[in-house]
Amino acid sequence: MNGPGTAPAAAPGFSVTGALGMAREVFRTRPVSVVRLVLFQALIFATLGTAQLWLMGYMGRGFEDAARDPIALMQANALISLFSLGASLSMVAVWAWIEALWLELYVRDRRPAELDLGAFFRVLAAFVILYLIIMVATFVLVFAGAIIAVPFMIALSMGGEPGMATVISVTLAAIFAPLIVFMLLVMSRLSALPALAFLRGGMPLGLAWRGAKGRVGRLIAAWSVWGMLYLVAMIIMVAILALGPGPFADVFREVIENPQDPMAQYRAYAAFSRSPGEVAGYWGVTVAANILFAALLMAARGIGVSLALDTMVREVAADEG
């Protein structure tokens, strides 16, 4: 048995097929545990997400009652904002806890690791760090992309009035191309951070970064394959939500029809909260969606865990050498 903070005696080197296929190995080894955790995760997130929308609609009724009272309208808006913040923080905590459960399942047959309160907070901190990096980078790159798009727009306008499709294409390319490059080149190097934080303790940012050295190409390939699959799944999911039970189609219509009204969306949420059948239908759709997305999320965890195990093996080999 390995001591705390050490790597397993042996682990396969990091590869694209090994990383993306790790979820299949975990399922084959412990199918009951995987199915149980998938169902538990689906029920938890579907229930919390549905409850959040219902409460937003319930509180959104205040906008209808306070439509002619600016002070009451401000109070209702502040209450919804405060609730949304609290609900989001609660969801993040629950999500980190479930991710810790998944990490323990992934490494259970590869390295003994104790799932305790400390492990939960390390996993939570790791994801918060990754989230903050992404948010800061997104803000900077979107701002820079918008500035970069300006001279292209000027150049295009000199040759005539550019069409809307051209304007949108150039703007999106200037904003999202650098963001995609950043995600692939920089964030892929931190893929192992949550798993390493769970396995080793502390917050091994440096080890996570160094562990990806020499494997960036394979990481980019693995995340590119995963990203394409995720994009397809998201398109299907958005289409289902837009056409199926739930407030999203109504919210979209309200926002489009009333662009001058920042509170238009809450009318749709309020109508949703008054319909038990629609609430139940939305809950069922989100349960099914969470189950369908489970395989994709398991593949993503496999990339990080596979890299973390490979990193720890190489670290021990370097220390012994």
Protein backbone atom coordinates (compact mmCIF):
# COMPACT_ATOMS: atom_id res chain seq x y z
CA MET A 1 0.00 0.00 0.00
CA ASN A 2 1.23 3.48 -0.83
CA GLY A 3 1.75 6.04 1.88
CA PRO A 4 -0.04 9.39 1.90
CA GLY A 5 1.16 11.79 -0.75
CA THR A 6 2.96 9.15 -2.78
CA ALA A 7 2.14 7.90 -6.23
CA PRO A 8 0.94 4.40 -7.00
CA ALA A 9 3.60 1.82 -7.70
CA ALA A 10 2.76 1.93 -11.38
CA ALA A 11 0.48 3.89 -13.63
CA PRO A 12 0.17 4.09 -17.41
CA GLY A 13 1.69 7.15 -19.06
CA PHE A 14 -0.65 9.89 -20.18
CA SER A 15 -2.21 9.32 -23.59
CA VAL A 16 -5.26 10.69 -25.39
CA THR A 17 -7.01 7.33 -25.66
CA GLY A 18 -6.09 6.39 -22.10
CA ALA A 19 -7.36 9.68 -20.69
CA LEU A 20 -10.64 9.69 -22.63
CA GLY A 21 -11.10 5.98 -22.00
CA MET A 22 -10.50 6.11 -18.25
CA ALA A 23 -14.21 6.62 -17.59
CA ARG A 24 -14.94 3.35 -19.36
CA GLU A 25 -12.39 1.56 -17.17
CA VAL A 26 -13.92 3.00 -14.01
CA PHE A 27 -17.40 1.94 -15.13
CA ARG A 28 -16.23 -1.54 -16.02
CA THR A 29 -14.52 -1.93 -12.64
CA ARG A 30 -17.29 -0.45 -10.45
CA PRO A 31 -20.51 -0.22 -12.49
CA VAL A 32 -22.85 -0.12 -9.48
CA SER A 33 -20.93 2.75 -7.86
CA VAL A 34 -20.90 4.70 -11.13
CA VAL A 35 -24.62 4.24 -11.79
CA ARG A 36 -25.47 5.15 -8.19
CA LEU A 37 -23.38 8.32 -8.31
CA VAL A 38 -24.75 9.30 -11.75
CA LEU A 39 -28.32 8.98 -10.49
CA PHE A 40 -27.52 10.78 -7.25
CA GLN A 41 -25.86 13.62 -9.12
CA ALA A 42 -28.72 13.89 -11.62
CA LEU A 43 -31.37 14.02 -8.90
CA ILE A 44 -29.45 16.54 -6.80
CA PHE A 45 -28.72 18.97 -9.63
CA ALA A 46 -32.15 18.64 -11.24
CA THR A 47 -33.88 19.27 -7.92
CA LEU A 48 -31.68 22.22 -7.00
CA GLY A 49 -31.90 23.76 -10.47
CA THR A 50 -35.68 23.38 -10.65
CA ALA A 51 -36.10 24.76 -7.14
CA GLN A 52 -33.95 27.76 -8.04
CA LEU A 53 -36.06 28.59 -11.10
CA TRP A 54 -39.30 28.07 -9.17
CA LEU A 55 -38.18 30.39 -6.38
CA MET A 56 -37.04 32.99 -8.92
CA GLY A 57 -40.51 32.83 -10.42
CA TYR A 58 -42.17 32.95 -7.02
CA MET A 59 -40.17 36.03 -6.05
CA GLY A 60 -40.56 37.40 -9.57
CA ARG A 61 -44.27 37.77 -8.93
CA GLY A 62 -43.24 40.77 -6.87
CA PHE A 63 -42.37 42.56 -10.10
CA GLU A 64 -45.95 42.20 -11.24
CA ASP A 65 -47.30 43.44 -7.91
CA ALA A 66 -44.78 46.30 -7.71
CA ALA A 67 -44.87 47.35 -11.34
CA ARG A 68 -46.06 50.87 -10.43
CA ASP A 69 -43.99 51.27 -7.26
CA PRO A 70 -40.29 52.02 -7.97
CA ILE A 71 -39.22 51.37 -4.37
CA ALA A 72 -41.04 48.05 -4.16
CA LEU A 73 -39.61 47.13 -7.56
CA MET A 74 -36.08 47.89 -6.33
CA GLN A 75 -36.65 45.81 -3.20
CA ALA A 76 -37.94 42.86 -5.23
CA ASN A 77 -34.97 43.08 -7.59
CA ALA A 78 -32.50 43.19 -4.68
CA LEU A 79 -34.17 40.18 -3.06
CA ILE A 80 -33.92 38.12 -6.25
CA SER A 81 -30.27 39.15 -6.76
CA LEU A 82 -29.42 38.17 -3.18
CA PHE A 83 -31.20 34.85 -3.54
CA SER A 84 -29.51 34.10 -6.87
CA LEU A 85 -26.08 34.74 -5.35
CA GLY A 86 -26.80 32.48 -2.38
CA ALA A 87 -28.22 29.75 -4.59
CA SER A 88 -25.20 29.89 -6.91
CA LEU A 89 -22.77 29.62 -4.00
CA SER A 90 -24.72 26.67 -2.61
CA MET A 91 -24.67 24.96 -6.01
CA VAL A 92 -20.91 25.41 -6.25
CA ALA A 93 -20.42 23.82 -2.82
CA VAL A 94 -22.65 20.85 -3.70
CA TRP A 95 -20.91 20.48 -7.05
CA ALA A 96 -17.45 20.42 -5.41
CA TRP A 97 -18.64 17.79 -2.94
CA ILE A 98 -19.92 15.57 -5.78
CA GLU A 99 -16.68 16.12 -7.72
CA ALA A 100 -14.75 14.93 -4.64
CA LEU A 101 -16.93 11.81 -4.62
CA TRP A 102 -16.11 11.22 -8.28
CA LEU A 103 -12.38 11.72 -7.73
CA GLU A 104 -12.39 9.22 -4.88
CA LEU A 105 -14.15 6.71 -7.14
CA TYR A 106 -11.64 7.27 -9.95
CA VAL A 107 -8.55 6.73 -7.79
CA ARG A 108 -9.99 4.11 -5.41
CA ASP A 109 -8.44 1.18 -7.29
CA ARG A 110 -5.26 3.06 -8.15
CA ARG A 111 -4.25 4.81 -4.96
CA PRO A 112 -5.82 4.87 -1.49
CA ALA A 113 -7.11 8.36 -0.79
CA GLU A 114 -9.24 9.55 2.09
CA LEU A 115 -12.35 11.54 1.28
CA ASP A 116 -12.76 13.91 4.21
CA LEU A 117 -13.65 17.54 4.84
CA GLY A 118 -10.10 18.64 4.00
CA ALA A 119 -10.24 16.87 0.63
CA PHE A 120 -13.59 18.55 -0.12
CA PHE A 121 -12.22 22.03 0.61
CA ARG A 122 -9.10 21.37 -1.47
CA VAL A 123 -11.20 20.29 -4.45
CA LEU A 124 -13.47 23.30 -3.96
CA ALA A 125 -10.47 25.64 -3.80
CA ALA A 126 -8.95 24.08 -6.92
CA PHE A 127 -12.10 24.64 -8.95
CA VAL A 128 -12.50 28.18 -7.60
CA ILE A 129 -8.92 28.96 -8.69
CA LEU A 130 -9.57 27.56 -12.17
CA TYR A 131 -12.84 29.49 -12.38
CA LEU A 132 -11.20 32.78 -11.37
CA ILE A 133 -8.41 32.30 -13.91
CA ILE A 134 -10.97 31.63 -16.64
CA MET A 135 -13.13 34.62 -15.64
CA VAL A 136 -10.20 37.05 -15.54
CA ALA A 137 -8.81 35.75 -18.82
CA THR A 138 -12.27 35.93 -20.43
CA PHE A 139 -12.71 39.56 -19.38
CA VAL A 140 -9.25 40.57 -20.61
CA LEU A 141 -9.46 38.66 -23.89
CA VAL A 142 -13.01 39.80 -24.70
CA PHE A 143 -12.02 43.42 -24.03
CA ALA A 144 -8.86 43.06 -26.15
CA GLY A 145 -10.79 41.25 -28.88
CA ALA A 146 -13.37 44.03 -29.04
CA ILE A 147 -10.57 46.58 -29.47
CA ILE A 148 -8.86 44.46 -32.12
CA ALA A 149 -12.15 44.14 -34.04
CA VAL A 150 -12.49 47.93 -34.40
CA PRO A 151 -9.79 48.48 -37.07
CA PHE A 152 -11.14 45.52 -39.03
CA MET A 153 -14.58 47.10 -38.97
CA ILE A 154 -13.12 50.42 -40.13
CA ALA A 155 -11.24 48.71 -42.96
CA LEU A 156 -14.36 46.86 -44.04
CA SER A 157 -16.50 50.00 -43.94
CA MET A 158 -14.02 51.80 -46.20
CA GLY A 159 -14.89 49.34 -48.93
CA GLY A 160 -18.60 49.82 -48.40
CA GLU A 161 -21.16 49.14 -45.71
CA PRO A 162 -20.30 45.71 -44.23
CA GLY A 163 -23.17 43.29 -43.82
CA MET A 164 -24.40 42.27 -40.39
CA ALA A 165 -23.11 38.72 -40.91
CA THR A 166 -19.62 40.07 -41.63
CA VAL A 167 -19.65 42.32 -38.57
CA ILE A 168 -20.78 39.49 -36.31
CA SER A 169 -18.25 37.02 -37.78
CA VAL A 170 -15.27 39.36 -37.42
CA THR A 171 -16.26 40.39 -33.90
CA LEU A 172 -16.78 36.82 -32.71
CA ALA A 173 -13.51 35.69 -34.30
CA ALA A 174 -11.57 38.51 -32.64
CA ILE A 175 -13.12 37.73 -29.24
CA PHE A 176 -13.38 33.95 -29.13
CA ALA A 177 -10.33 32.82 -31.10
CA PRO A 178 -7.86 34.12 -28.45
CA LEU A 179 -10.09 32.70 -25.70
CA ILE A 180 -10.08 29.23 -27.26
CA VAL A 181 -6.30 29.37 -27.70
CA PHE A 182 -5.91 30.40 -24.05
CA MET A 183 -8.14 27.57 -22.86
CA LEU A 184 -6.22 24.99 -24.86
CA LEU A 185 -2.68 26.21 -24.20
CA VAL A 186 -2.95 27.51 -20.63
CA MET A 187 -5.89 25.84 -18.94
CA SER A 188 -4.98 22.41 -20.30
CA ARG A 189 -1.76 22.62 -18.29
CA LEU A 190 -3.82 22.86 -15.11
CA SER A 191 -6.01 19.86 -15.97
CA ALA A 192 -4.57 17.80 -13.11
CA LEU A 193 -5.02 20.45 -10.38
CA PRO A 194 -8.28 19.17 -8.79
CA ALA A 195 -7.09 15.55 -8.78
CA LEU A 196 -3.64 16.49 -7.43
CA ALA A 197 -5.22 18.65 -4.72
CA PHE A 198 -7.40 15.70 -3.74
CA LEU A 199 -4.54 13.18 -3.74
CA ARG A 200 -1.68 15.18 -2.26
CA GLY A 201 -3.14 17.86 -0.05
CA GLY A 202 -2.35 21.55 -0.29
CA MET A 203 -2.78 23.36 -3.57
CA PRO A 204 -0.07 22.02 -5.93
CA LEU A 205 -0.37 24.63 -8.67
CA GLY A 206 3.29 24.37 -9.60
CA LEU A 207 3.22 20.58 -9.77
CA ALA A 208 0.07 20.65 -11.89
CA TRP A 209 1.72 23.07 -14.32
CA ARG A 210 5.00 21.15 -14.47
CA GLY A 211 3.22 17.82 -14.77
CA ALA A 212 1.76 18.84 -18.12
CA LYS A 213 5.18 19.62 -19.56
CA GLY A 214 5.81 17.52 -22.64
CA ARG A 215 2.14 16.52 -22.74
CA VAL A 216 0.52 19.74 -23.91
CA GLY A 217 -0.04 18.42 -27.43
CA ARG A 218 -1.82 15.33 -26.12
CA LEU A 219 -3.80 17.44 -23.67
CA ILE A 220 -4.93 19.78 -26.44
CA ALA A 221 -5.96 16.80 -28.56
CA ALA A 222 -7.91 15.22 -25.68
CA TRP A 223 -9.69 18.45 -24.74
CA SER A 224 -10.40 19.28 -28.40
CA VAL A 225 -12.13 15.93 -28.90
CA TRP A 226 -14.02 16.37 -25.66
CA GLY A 227 -14.95 19.97 -26.52
CA MET A 228 -16.46 18.99 -29.86
CA LEU A 229 -18.57 16.30 -28.22
CA TYR A 230 -19.64 18.74 -25.50
CA LEU A 231 -20.60 21.37 -28.10
CA VAL A 232 -22.83 18.88 -29.91
CA ALA A 233 -24.42 17.80 -26.63
CA MET A 234 -25.02 21.42 -25.60
CA ILE A 235 -26.69 22.27 -28.93
CA ILE A 236 -29.02 19.30 -28.50
CA MET A 237 -29.71 20.22 -24.88
CA VAL A 238 -30.48 23.86 -25.66
CA ALA A 239 -32.86 22.77 -28.41
CA ILE A 240 -34.64 20.40 -26.02
CA LEU A 241 -34.97 23.08 -23.33
CA ALA A 242 -36.19 25.65 -25.86
CA LEU A 243 -38.89 23.30 -27.16
CA GLY A 244 -39.66 21.31 -24.03
CA PRO A 245 -41.25 22.17 -20.70
CA GLY A 246 -39.66 25.02 -18.82
CA PRO A 247 -39.42 28.80 -18.88
CA PHE A 248 -36.51 29.25 -21.29
CA ALA A 249 -38.49 29.65 -24.50
CA ASP A 250 -40.82 32.09 -22.73
CA VAL A 251 -37.89 34.01 -21.26
CA PHE A 252 -36.28 34.30 -24.68
CA ARG A 253 -39.53 35.59 -26.20
CA GLU A 254 -40.10 38.09 -23.37
CA VAL A 255 -36.57 39.47 -23.71
CA ILE A 256 -36.83 39.76 -27.51
CA GLU A 257 -40.27 41.38 -27.42
CA ASN A 258 -39.45 43.74 -24.53
CA PRO A 259 -35.77 44.74 -24.93
CA GLN A 260 -36.33 47.96 -23.00
CA ASP A 261 -37.62 46.10 -19.92
CA PRO A 262 -34.77 44.56 -17.86
CA MET A 263 -37.33 42.70 -15.74
CA ALA A 264 -39.16 41.04 -18.66
CA GLN A 265 -37.63 37.64 -18.00
CA TYR A 266 -39.14 37.44 -14.53
CA ARG A 267 -42.66 37.46 -15.93
CA ALA A 268 -41.85 34.18 -17.66
CA TYR A 269 -40.33 32.77 -14.47
CA ALA A 270 -43.44 33.88 -12.55
CA ALA A 271 -45.71 32.07 -15.01
CA PHE A 272 -43.51 28.97 -14.73
CA SER A 273 -43.78 28.94 -10.93
CA ARG A 274 -47.59 28.93 -11.15
CA SER A 275 -47.69 25.74 -13.26
CA PRO A 276 -46.97 22.55 -11.24
CA GLY A 277 -47.11 20.48 -14.43
CA GLU A 278 -44.49 22.62 -16.15
CA VAL A 279 -42.27 22.53 -13.07
CA ALA A 280 -42.51 18.73 -12.90
CA GLY A 281 -41.84 18.43 -16.63
CA TYR A 282 -38.78 20.65 -16.40
CA TRP A 283 -37.48 18.60 -13.46
CA GLY A 284 -37.85 15.41 -15.49
CA VAL A 285 -36.07 16.89 -18.50
CA THR A 286 -33.15 18.11 -16.37
CA VAL A 287 -32.83 14.71 -14.66
CA ALA A 288 -32.56 13.06 -18.09
CA ALA A 289 -30.12 15.74 -19.29
CA ASN A 290 -27.86 15.23 -16.27
CA ILE A 291 -27.81 11.49 -16.89
CA LEU A 292 -26.96 11.99 -20.57
CA PHE A 293 -24.18 14.47 -19.73
CA ALA A 294 -22.68 12.10 -17.14
CA ALA A 295 -20.59 10.22 -19.71
CA LEU A 296 -19.09 13.45 -21.05
CA LEU A 297 -18.26 14.70 -17.57
CA MET A 298 -16.72 11.35 -16.68
CA ALA A 299 -14.48 11.62 -19.75
CA ALA A 300 -13.38 15.10 -18.64
CA ARG A 301 -12.51 13.81 -15.17
CA GLY A 302 -10.51 11.02 -16.78
CA ILE A 303 -8.23 13.56 -18.46
CA GLY A 304 -7.38 15.25 -15.17
CA VAL A 305 -7.03 12.08 -13.09
CA SER A 306 -4.94 10.31 -15.72
CA LEU A 307 -2.56 13.28 -15.91
CA ALA A 308 -2.41 13.56 -12.11
CA LEU A 309 -1.47 9.90 -11.66
CA ASP A 310 1.15 10.14 -14.40
CA THR A 311 2.54 13.32 -12.82
CA MET A 312 2.89 11.67 -9.40
CA VAL A 313 4.65 8.64 -10.84
CA ARG A 314 7.14 10.87 -12.63
CA GLU A 315 7.63 12.99 -9.50
CA VAL A 316 8.52 9.91 -7.41
CA ALA A 317 10.84 8.64 -10.16
CA ALA A 318 12.60 12.02 -10.26
CA ASP A 319 13.03 12.04 -6.47
CA GLU A 320 14.44 8.52 -6.45
CA GLY A 321 16.73 9.29 -9.37
